[in-house]
Each structure stands twice: as C-alpha cells, then as structure tokens.
Amino acid sequence: MKGQRKRLIGRVTSDKMDKTVVVTVERLQRHRLYGKVLKRTKKYMAHDEENACRIGDLVRIVESSPLSRRKRWVVEKIVETGTESWLPEVGQ
C-alpha cells in the first residue's frame, strides 16, 4: 500500500499554522472541445511535522490516512527552498 500512494509537487503558499502548510499544485489541462490549454490550481493542506517548510518552497507531498478534517497529505520532501518573490504583489 505504501508504494501506491499518490505524490504531488507544489509550492507552499501558507505556513501560518502549527505543523500544517497549504500547498498549491498547478496542472495543465486541455479543453475537451476547443483544445486550449488551461492552467488549473488546487490547494492541499499538508502535515509538516518539523515546521521546516516556508512560503515559496517547492515540496513533494504524499497522501496519507486522515490527520484532521481537511488534512490528508504529508510533506515528504522539500525539493527546493524558494523565496516569496514568486507571489503576486498585494495592494500595488
């Protein structure tokens, strides 16, 4: 069972909670009729036991048994540490 778990790669968009991060995963999808390539995003709450992840980090998450009401993923590895420069400017 452990080898069959889903794994996703995404960016950390929030680390304000204790032992929890919000990871945004982007994927490309082609429109079934018009063929245009669309960018789809989805947010996942992931468990971060050591509070090691920071905003902007690229992380790999793996599915797990439910840890809370909305948490079903665990941070497996920090692929690369990032900066907050990739986030859009707010209020300007």
Protein backbone atom coordinates (compact mmCIF):
# COMPACT_ATOMS: atom_id res chain seq x y z
CA MET A 1 0.00 0.00 0.00
CA LYS A 2 2.80 2.42 0.81
CA GLY A 3 4.24 2.28 -2.71
CA GLN A 4 0.85 3.02 -4.29
CA ARG A 5 0.27 6.38 -2.63
CA LYS A 6 -0.22 9.47 -4.79
CA ARG A 7 2.57 12.04 -4.84
CA LEU A 8 2.23 15.66 -5.94
CA ILE A 9 4.68 18.55 -6.27
CA GLY A 10 3.62 22.09 -5.45
CA ARG A 11 4.53 25.42 -3.83
CA VAL A 12 3.91 26.32 -0.19
CA THR A 13 1.53 29.28 -0.11
CA SER A 14 0.89 29.46 3.65
CA ASP A 15 2.83 28.33 6.72
CA LYS A 16 0.94 30.23 9.40
CA MET A 17 -0.50 27.14 11.11
CA ASP A 18 1.34 24.88 13.54
CA LYS A 19 2.63 21.71 11.79
CA THR A 20 0.46 22.43 8.73
CA VAL A 21 1.20 24.08 5.39
CA VAL A 22 -1.00 24.92 2.42
CA VAL A 23 0.45 23.60 -0.84
CA THR A 24 -0.78 24.88 -4.23
CA VAL A 25 -0.47 22.35 -7.05
CA GLU A 26 -0.75 23.50 -10.67
CA ARG A 27 -1.59 21.26 -13.61
CA LEU A 28 -2.22 21.84 -17.29
CA GLN A 29 -5.42 20.56 -18.87
CA ARG A 30 -6.57 20.75 -22.47
CA HIS A 31 -10.16 21.91 -23.08
CA ARG A 32 -12.06 18.95 -24.49
CA LEU A 33 -13.82 20.90 -27.27
CA TYR A 34 -11.66 23.92 -28.10
CA GLY A 35 -8.22 22.46 -27.39
CA LYS A 36 -6.99 25.47 -25.41
CA VAL A 37 -4.53 24.60 -22.66
CA LEU A 38 -5.85 25.74 -19.27
CA LYS A 39 -3.92 26.08 -16.02
CA ARG A 40 -5.77 24.54 -13.08
CA THR A 41 -4.73 25.01 -9.45
CA LYS A 42 -5.77 23.20 -6.31
CA LYS A 43 -4.82 23.76 -2.68
CA TYR A 44 -3.96 20.94 -0.30
CA MET A 45 -3.41 21.08 3.46
CA ALA A 46 -0.33 19.03 4.32
CA HIS A 47 1.22 17.94 7.60
CA ASP A 48 4.71 19.34 8.30
CA GLU A 49 5.95 17.70 11.49
CA GLU A 50 9.13 19.80 11.97
CA ASN A 51 7.66 23.14 10.76
CA ALA A 52 10.51 23.16 8.22
CA CYS A 53 8.59 24.50 5.20
CA ARG A 54 8.48 28.21 4.40
CA ILE A 55 6.42 30.20 1.90
CA GLY A 56 7.75 29.71 -1.62
CA ASP A 57 9.33 26.29 -1.06
CA LEU A 58 8.76 23.62 -3.68
CA VAL A 59 7.67 20.46 -1.85
CA ARG A 60 6.60 16.91 -2.63
CA ILE A 61 3.53 15.73 -0.71
CA VAL A 62 2.24 12.18 -0.35
CA GLU A 63 -1.28 11.10 0.54
CA SER A 64 -1.92 9.54 3.94
CA SER A 65 -4.73 8.50 6.20
CA PRO A 66 -6.84 11.42 7.51
CA LEU A 67 -4.96 13.51 10.08
CA SER A 68 -7.72 16.07 10.67
CA ARG A 69 -10.88 17.30 8.96
CA ARG A 70 -9.06 18.75 5.93
CA LYS A 71 -5.56 17.24 6.18
CA ARG A 72 -4.95 14.09 4.14
CA TRP A 73 -1.42 14.80 2.86
CA VAL A 74 2.07 14.79 4.44
CA VAL A 75 5.13 16.74 3.29
CA GLU A 76 7.57 14.08 2.11
CA LYS A 77 10.48 16.24 0.94
CA ILE A 78 11.45 19.86 0.35
CA VAL A 79 12.56 19.78 -3.29
CA GLU A 80 13.93 23.33 -3.32
CA THR A 81 13.83 26.25 -0.95
CA GLY A 82 12.31 29.32 -2.52
CA THR A 83 11.70 32.96 -1.88
CA GLU A 84 8.46 34.86 -1.64
CA SER A 85 9.25 36.72 -4.88
CA TRP A 86 7.04 34.39 -6.96
CA LEU A 87 3.91 35.57 -5.08
CA PRO A 88 1.97 38.43 -6.73
CA GLU A 89 2.25 41.88 -5.19
CA VAL A 90 -0.71 42.71 -2.96
CA GLY A 91 -2.08 46.23 -2.74
CA GLN A 92 0.01 47.78 -5.50
